C-alpha atoms as a PDB file:
ATOM      1  CA  UNK A   1      21.085  22.590 -20.837  1.00  0.00           C
ATOM      2  CA  UNK A   2      18.420  23.613 -23.294  1.00  0.00           C
ATOM      3  CA  UNK A   3      20.964  23.543 -26.169  1.00  0.00           C
ATOM      4  CA  UNK A   4      21.864  20.002 -25.361  1.00  0.00           C
ATOM      5  CA  UNK A   5      18.270  18.521 -25.642  1.00  0.00           C
ATOM      6  CA  UNK A   6      16.946  16.633 -28.641  1.00  0.00           C
ATOM      7  CA  UNK A   7      13.333  17.655 -29.937  1.00  0.00           C
ATOM      8  CA  UNK A   8      11.786  14.571 -28.589  1.00  0.00           C
ATOM      9  CA  UNK A   9      13.212  15.422 -25.012  1.00  0.00           C
ATOM     10  CA  UNK A  10      11.925  18.963 -25.318  1.00  0.00           C
ATOM     11  CA  UNK A  11       8.407  17.850 -26.014  1.00  0.00           C
ATOM     12  CA  UNK A  12       8.417  15.117 -23.598  1.00  0.00           C
ATOM     13  CA  UNK A  13       9.338  17.706 -20.842  1.00  0.00           C
ATOM     14  CA  UNK A  14       6.879  20.109 -22.105  1.00  0.00           C
ATOM     15  CA  UNK A  15       4.320  17.486 -21.590  1.00  0.00           C
ATOM     16  CA  UNK A  16       5.541  16.649 -18.146  1.00  0.00           C
ATOM     17  CA  UNK A  17       5.808  20.219 -16.835  1.00  0.00           C
ATOM     18  CA  UNK A  18       2.298  20.796 -18.079  1.00  0.00           C
ATOM     19  CA  UNK A  19       0.999  17.829 -16.201  1.00  0.00           C
ATOM     20  CA  UNK A  20       2.865  18.971 -13.121  1.00  0.00           C
ATOM     21  CA  UNK A  21       1.083  22.395 -13.294  1.00  0.00           C
ATOM     22  CA  UNK A  22      -2.130  20.541 -13.843  1.00  0.00           C
ATOM     23  CA  UNK A  23      -1.765  18.393 -10.882  1.00  0.00           C
ATOM     24  CA  UNK A  24      -0.834  21.186  -8.485  1.00  0.00           C
ATOM     25  CA  UNK A  25      -3.724  23.094  -9.579  1.00  0.00           C
ATOM     26  CA  UNK A  26      -5.999  20.122  -9.370  1.00  0.00           C
ATOM     27  CA  UNK A  27      -4.843  19.681  -5.611  1.00  0.00           C
ATOM     28  CA  UNK A  28      -5.514  23.309  -4.987  1.00  0.00           C
ATOM     29  CA  UNK A  29      -9.040  22.981  -6.368  1.00  0.00           C
ATOM     30  CA  UNK A  30      -9.721  19.878  -4.276  1.00  0.00           C
ATOM     31  CA  UNK A  31      -8.328  21.353  -0.977  1.00  0.00           C
ATOM     32  CA  UNK A  32     -11.662  23.174   0.180  1.00  0.00           C
ATOM     33  CA  UNK A  33     -13.654  19.882  -0.113  1.00  0.00           C
ATOM     34  CA  UNK A  34     -11.358  17.997   2.326  1.00  0.00           C
ATOM     35  CA  UNK A  35     -12.910  17.444   5.752  1.00  0.00           C
ATOM     36  CA  UNK A  36     -10.500  14.785   7.334  1.00  0.00           C
ATOM     37  CA  UNK A  37      -7.692  16.369   9.083  1.00  0.00           C
ATOM     38  CA  UNK A  38      -5.294  13.445   8.027  1.00  0.00           C
ATOM     39  CA  UNK A  39      -6.167  13.931   4.449  1.00  0.00           C
ATOM     40  CA  UNK A  40      -5.884  17.516   4.677  1.00  0.00           C
ATOM     41  CA  UNK A  41      -2.251  17.298   6.044  1.00  0.00           C
ATOM     42  CA  UNK A  42      -1.519  14.690   3.363  1.00  0.00           C
ATOM     43  CA  UNK A  43      -2.788  16.945   0.535  1.00  0.00           C
ATOM     44  CA  UNK A  44      -0.892  19.847   1.960  1.00  0.00           C
ATOM     45  CA  UNK A  45       2.439  18.035   2.386  1.00  0.00           C
ATOM     46  CA  UNK A  46       2.208  16.606  -1.127  1.00  0.00           C
ATOM     47  CA  UNK A  47       1.224  19.935  -2.577  1.00  0.00           C
ATOM     48  CA  UNK A  48       4.282  21.689  -1.238  1.00  0.00           C
ATOM     49  CA  UNK A  49       6.586  18.906  -2.577  1.00  0.00           C
ATOM     50  CA  UNK A  50       4.889  19.082  -5.958  1.00  0.00           C
ATOM     51  CA  UNK A  51       5.774  22.795  -5.985  1.00  0.00           C
ATOM     52  CA  UNK A  52       9.369  22.135  -4.871  1.00  0.00           C
ATOM     53  CA  UNK A  53       9.902  19.350  -7.658  1.00  0.00           C
ATOM     54  CA  UNK A  54       8.503  21.474 -10.337  1.00  0.00           C
ATOM     55  CA  UNK A  55      10.733  24.445  -9.587  1.00  0.00           C
ATOM     56  CA  UNK A  56      13.775  22.197  -9.243  1.00  0.00           C
ATOM     57  CA  UNK A  57      13.087  20.708 -12.764  1.00  0.00           C
ATOM     58  CA  UNK A  58      12.564  24.264 -14.128  1.00  0.00           C
ATOM     59  CA  UNK A  59      15.733  25.356 -12.698  1.00  0.00           C
ATOM     60  CA  UNK A  60      17.571  22.382 -14.254  1.00  0.00           C
ATOM     61  CA  UNK A  61      16.373  23.049 -17.618  1.00  0.00           C
ATOM     62  CA  UNK A  62      17.012  26.919 -17.457  1.00  0.00           C
ATOM     63  CA  UNK A  63      20.303  26.422 -15.741  1.00  0.00           C
ATOM     64  CA  UNK A  64      19.233  28.742 -12.876  1.00  0.00           C
ATOM     65  CA  UNK A  65      20.692  26.539 -10.272  1.00  0.00           C
ATOM     66  CA  UNK A  66      21.801  23.140  -9.276  1.00  0.00           C
ATOM     67  CA  UNK A  67      18.435  21.667 -10.323  1.00  0.00           C
ATOM     68  CA  UNK A  68      19.243  18.454  -8.490  1.00  0.00           C
ATOM     69  CA  UNK A  69      16.361  15.839  -8.432  1.00  0.00           C
ATOM     70  CA  UNK A  70      14.508  15.948  -5.130  1.00  0.00           C
ATOM     71  CA  UNK A  71      13.146  12.850  -3.271  1.00  0.00           C
ATOM     72  CA  UNK A  72       9.962  12.682  -1.642  1.00  0.00           C
ATOM     73  CA  UNK A  73       9.846  11.435   1.901  1.00  0.00           C
ATOM     74  CA  UNK A  74       6.420  10.054   3.135  1.00  0.00           C
ATOM     75  CA  UNK A  75       5.724  11.029   6.774  1.00  0.00           C
ATOM     76  CA  UNK A  76       3.629   7.885   6.924  1.00  0.00           C
ATOM     77  CA  UNK A  77       4.226   4.100   7.121  1.00  0.00           C
ATOM     78  CA  UNK A  78       1.621   1.985   5.116  1.00  0.00           C
ATOM     79  CA  UNK A  79       0.328  -1.265   6.664  1.00  0.00           C
ATOM     80  CA  UNK A  80      -2.016  -2.683   3.967  1.00  0.00           C
ATOM     81  CA  UNK A  81      -5.224  -4.242   5.141  1.00  0.00           C
ATOM     82  CA  UNK A  82      -6.337  -7.146   2.868  1.00  0.00           C
ATOM     83  CA  UNK A  83      -9.912  -8.530   2.274  1.00  0.00           C
ATOM     84  CA  UNK A  84     -13.367  -6.852   1.802  1.00  0.00           C
ATOM     85  CA  UNK A  85     -15.471  -5.483   4.296  1.00  0.00           C
ATOM     86  CA  UNK A  86     -18.979  -4.308   2.936  1.00  0.00           C
ATOM     87  CA  UNK A  87     -17.409  -1.842   0.251  1.00  0.00           C
ATOM     88  CA  UNK A  88     -19.511   1.144  -0.374  1.00  0.00           C
ATOM     89  CA  UNK A  89     -21.008   1.842  -3.774  1.00  0.00           C
ATOM     90  CA  UNK A  90     -19.479   4.664  -5.825  1.00  0.00           C
ATOM     91  CA  UNK A  91     -21.071   6.709  -8.434  1.00  0.00           C
ATOM     92  CA  UNK A  92     -20.130  10.249 -10.132  1.00  0.00           C
ATOM     93  CA  UNK A  93     -21.489  13.391  -7.906  1.00  0.00           C
ATOM     94  CA  UNK A  94     -24.340  15.416  -9.396  1.00  0.00           C
ATOM     95  CA  UNK A  95     -22.896  18.639  -8.158  1.00  0.00           C
ATOM     96  CA  UNK A  96     -19.582  19.870  -6.752  1.00  0.00           C
ATOM     97  CA  UNK A  97     -20.594  20.110  -3.115  1.00  0.00           C
ATOM     98  CA  UNK A  98     -21.204  16.434  -3.054  1.00  0.00           C
ATOM     99  CA  UNK A  99     -17.470  15.671  -3.209  1.00  0.00           C
ATOM    100  CA  UNK A 100     -16.195  13.910  -0.103  1.00  0.00           C
ATOM    101  CA  UNK A 101     -12.980  12.865   1.088  1.00  0.00           C
ATOM    102  CA  UNK A 102     -12.884   9.622  -0.824  1.00  0.00           C
ATOM    103  CA  UNK A 103     -13.481  11.461  -3.872  1.00  0.00           C
ATOM    104  CA  UNK A 104     -10.632  13.876  -3.379  1.00  0.00           C
ATOM    105  CA  UNK A 105      -8.240  10.933  -2.337  1.00  0.00           C
ATOM    106  CA  UNK A 106      -9.175   9.014  -5.350  1.00  0.00           C
ATOM    107  CA  UNK A 107      -8.595  12.020  -7.513  1.00  0.00           C
ATOM    108  CA  UNK A 108      -5.086  12.548  -5.931  1.00  0.00           C
ATOM    109  CA  UNK A 109      -4.288   8.953  -6.499  1.00  0.00           C
ATOM    110  CA  UNK A 110      -5.162   9.148 -10.095  1.00  0.00           C
ATOM    111  CA  UNK A 111      -2.857  12.133 -10.652  1.00  0.00           C
ATOM    112  CA  UNK A 112       0.067  10.411  -9.128  1.00  0.00           C
ATOM    113  CA  UNK A 113      -0.403   7.296 -11.240  1.00  0.00           C
ATOM    114  CA  UNK A 114      -0.733   9.264 -14.547  1.00  0.00           C
ATOM    115  CA  UNK A 115       2.289  11.269 -13.435  1.00  0.00           C
ATOM    116  CA  UNK A 116       4.477   8.169 -12.610  1.00  0.00           C
ATOM    117  CA  UNK A 117       3.575   6.648 -16.016  1.00  0.00           C
ATOM    118  CA  UNK A 118       4.117   9.904 -18.040  1.00  0.00           C
ATOM    119  CA  UNK A 119       7.667  10.523 -16.262  1.00  0.00           C
ATOM    120  CA  UNK A 120       9.027   7.237 -16.714  1.00  0.00           C
ATOM    121  CA  UNK A 121       7.964   7.072 -20.381  1.00  0.00           C
ATOM    122  CA  UNK A 122       9.649  10.419 -20.657  1.00  0.00           C
ATOM    123  CA  UNK A 123      12.702   9.180 -19.090  1.00  0.00           C
ATOM    124  CA  UNK A 124      12.862   6.305 -21.368  1.00  0.00           C
ATOM    125  CA  UNK A 125      13.161   8.772 -24.262  1.00  0.00           C
ATOM    126  CA  UNK A 126      15.891  10.934 -22.812  1.00  0.00           C
ATOM    127  CA  UNK A 127      19.343  11.107 -23.988  1.00  0.00           C
ATOM    128  CA  UNK A 128      20.638  13.699 -21.570  1.00  0.00           C
ATOM    129  CA  UNK A 129      21.581  11.791 -18.418  1.00  0.00           C
ATOM    130  CA  UNK A 130      20.844  14.456 -15.867  1.00  0.00           C
ATOM    131  CA  UNK A 131      17.440  14.978 -17.214  1.00  0.00           C
ATOM    132  CA  UNK A 132      16.968  11.193 -17.653  1.00  0.00           C
ATOM    133  CA  UNK A 133      17.798  10.728 -13.777  1.00  0.00           C
ATOM    134  CA  UNK A 134      15.516  13.681 -12.897  1.00  0.00           C
ATOM    135  CA  UNK A 135      12.491  12.076 -14.712  1.00  0.00           C
ATOM    136  CA  UNK A 136      13.260   8.703 -13.279  1.00  0.00           C
ATOM    137  CA  UNK A 137      13.309  10.099  -9.534  1.00  0.00           C
ATOM    138  CA  UNK A 138      10.183  11.915 -10.657  1.00  0.00           C
ATOM    139  CA  UNK A 139       8.380   8.779 -11.492  1.00  0.00           C
ATOM    140  CA  UNK A 140       9.686   7.260  -8.167  1.00  0.00           C
ATOM    141  CA  UNK A 141       8.190  10.397  -6.409  1.00  0.00           C
ATOM    142  CA  UNK A 142       4.822   9.792  -7.970  1.00  0.00           C
ATOM    143  CA  UNK A 143       4.821   6.262  -7.074  1.00  0.00           C
ATOM    144  CA  UNK A 144       5.720   7.102  -3.437  1.00  0.00           C
ATOM    145  CA  UNK A 145       2.912   9.624  -3.203  1.00  0.00           C
ATOM    146  CA  UNK A 146       0.416   7.240  -4.830  1.00  0.00           C
ATOM    147  CA  UNK A 147       1.285   4.764  -2.352  1.00  0.00           C
ATOM    148  CA  UNK A 148       0.688   7.085   0.644  1.00  0.00           C
ATOM    149  CA  UNK A 149      -2.662   8.332  -0.754  1.00  0.00           C
ATOM    150  CA  UNK A 150      -3.698   4.563  -1.404  1.00  0.00           C
ATOM    151  CA  UNK A 151      -2.504   3.621   2.171  1.00  0.00           C
ATOM    152  CA  UNK A 152      -4.976   6.415   3.637  1.00  0.00           C
ATOM    153  CA  UNK A 153      -7.744   5.139   1.550  1.00  0.00           C
ATOM    154  CA  UNK A 154      -7.014   1.431   2.465  1.00  0.00           C
ATOM    155  CA  UNK A 155      -7.261   2.346   6.121  1.00  0.00           C
ATOM    156  CA  UNK A 156     -10.470   4.274   5.750  1.00  0.00           C
ATOM    157  CA  UNK A 157     -12.028   1.499   3.775  1.00  0.00           C
ATOM    158  CA  UNK A 158     -12.263   3.434   0.521  1.00  0.00           C
ATOM    159  CA  UNK A 159      -9.741   1.340  -1.425  1.00  0.00           C
ATOM    160  CA  UNK A 160     -10.137  -2.402  -0.221  1.00  0.00           C
ATOM    161  CA  UNK A 161      -7.967  -5.253  -1.509  1.00  0.00           C
ATOM    162  CA  UNK A 162      -9.939  -8.220  -2.720  1.00  0.00           C
ATOM    163  CA  UNK A 163      -7.941 -11.611  -2.368  1.00  0.00           C
ATOM    164  CA  UNK A 164      -8.096 -15.104  -3.711  1.00  0.00           C
ATOM    165  CA  UNK A 165      -8.512 -18.279  -1.772  1.00  0.00           C
ATOM    166  CA  UNK A 166      -5.031 -19.218  -0.305  1.00  0.00           C
ATOM    167  CA  UNK A 167      -4.958 -22.457  -2.321  1.00  0.00           C
ATOM    168  CA  UNK A 168      -5.683 -20.456  -5.693  1.00  0.00           C
ATOM    169  CA  UNK A 169      -2.730 -18.095  -4.763  1.00  0.00           C
ATOM    170  CA  UNK A 170      -0.345 -20.900  -4.034  1.00  0.00           C
ATOM    171  CA  UNK A 171      -1.521 -22.829  -7.161  1.00  0.00           C
ATOM    172  CA  UNK A 172      -0.860 -19.931  -9.356  1.00  0.00           C
ATOM    173  CA  UNK A 173       2.497 -18.838  -7.786  1.00  0.00           C
ATOM    174  CA  UNK A 174       3.896 -22.379  -7.681  1.00  0.00           C
ATOM    175  CA  UNK A 175       3.516 -22.536 -11.363  1.00  0.00           C
ATOM    176  CA  UNK A 176       6.731 -20.638 -11.610  1.00  0.00           C
ATOM    177  CA  UNK A 177      10.275 -22.069 -10.952  1.00  0.00           C
ATOM    178  CA  UNK A 178      13.704 -20.810 -10.713  1.00  0.00           C
ATOM    179  CA  UNK A 179      15.882 -20.827 -13.836  1.00  0.00           C
ATOM    180  CA  UNK A 180      18.157 -23.743 -14.471  1.00  0.00           C
ATOM    181  CA  UNK A 181      21.311 -21.697 -13.287  1.00  0.00           C
ATOM    182  CA  UNK A 182      19.639 -20.685 -10.122  1.00  0.00           C
ATOM    183  CA  UNK A 183      18.722 -24.277  -9.407  1.00  0.00           C
ATOM    184  CA  UNK A 184      22.150 -25.542  -9.831  1.00  0.00           C
ATOM    185  CA  UNK A 185      23.413 -22.777  -7.697  1.00  0.00           C
ATOM    186  CA  UNK A 186      20.745 -23.530  -4.935  1.00  0.00           C
ATOM    187  CA  UNK A 187      21.954 -27.325  -5.331  1.00  0.00           C
ATOM    188  CA  UNK A 188      25.656 -26.406  -5.025  1.00  0.00           C
ATOM    189  CA  UNK A 189      24.858 -24.463  -1.777  1.00  0.00           C
ATOM    190  CA  UNK A 190      22.790 -27.172  -0.420  1.00  0.00           C
ATOM    191  CA  UNK A 191      25.676 -29.749  -1.254  1.00  0.00           C
ATOM    192  CA  UNK A 192      28.368 -27.366   0.462  1.00  0.00           C
ATOM    193  CA  UNK A 193      26.229 -27.155   3.498  1.00  0.00           C
ATOM    194  CA  UNK A 194      25.588 -30.927   3.689  1.00  0.00           C
ATOM    195  CA  UNK A 195      29.473 -31.459   3.415  1.00  0.00           C
ATOM    196  CA  UNK A 196      30.221 -29.095   6.258  1.00  0.00           C
ATOM    197  CA  UNK A 197      27.479 -30.813   8.389  1.00  0.00           C
ATOM    198  CA  UNK A 198      29.117 -34.069   7.752  1.00  0.00           C
ATOM    199  CA  UNK A 199      32.484 -32.722   8.558  1.00  0.00           C
ATOM    200  CA  UNK A 200      31.303 -31.037  11.675  1.00  0.00           C
ATOM    201  CA  UNK A 201      29.797 -34.433  12.836  1.00  0.00           C
ATOM    202  CA  UNK A 202      33.099 -36.337  12.053  1.00  0.00           C
ATOM    203  CA  UNK A 203      34.852 -33.762  14.033  1.00  0.00           C
ATOM    204  CA  UNK A 204      32.624 -34.125  17.248  1.00  0.00           C
ATOM    205  CA  UNK A 205      33.040 -37.906  16.734  1.00  0.00           C
ATOM    206  CA  UNK A 206      36.907 -37.857  16.827  1.00  0.00           C
ATOM    207  CA  UNK A 207      36.998 -35.381  19.547  1.00  0.00           C
ATOM    208  CA  UNK A 208      37.106 -37.874  22.470  1.00  0.00           C
ATOM    209  CA  UNK A 209      39.955 -39.794  20.755  1.00  0.00           C
ATOM    210  CA  UNK A 210      42.116 -36.652  20.224  1.00  0.00           C
ATOM    211  CA  UNK A 211      41.688 -35.899  23.892  1.00  0.00           C
ATOM    212  CA  UNK A 212      43.278 -39.231  24.699  1.00  0.00           C
END
């Protein structure tokens, strides 16, 4: 494939693969500071996938194998909790031994967010369709892993979700209406349903006379 890549594609992939190596190394550095067993399992699972995804991309570029885009499968379902419940204060640590599970999870989340943005930007610059698809899937993989980490943080109270008053949310969202074409389609469907109901009522009224 290398002979069929543009200069801009080569430089985008160079940046993305370097970022992938940095992310994997970052996870390795964070691993000894994890205390929560659930976070340890999550980090190990994601680190294994990061390595698999990196190798698959390298194989694709060097034509050493099929090099198909790999898809991340999260082993957990996320059920978000909304609202604030006495959120803790945060500050930079004064020493490496002060790192806790929240610090580790937050660092993992930042890695995935940066990876998603970089891979999607790279995909938008790709001319090669296979490489473009691989980077697009890579961006999705980062987004899925980020959401998995966020779900862990949300459940532990590390990443809480502030909300607005319901009336404020409703007011903001109700300011948007469907386009004219959608409104016309909805009106047509409503008219068709009304005609069908009227026809059904008429049939029911005529039923006794038909039986005679």
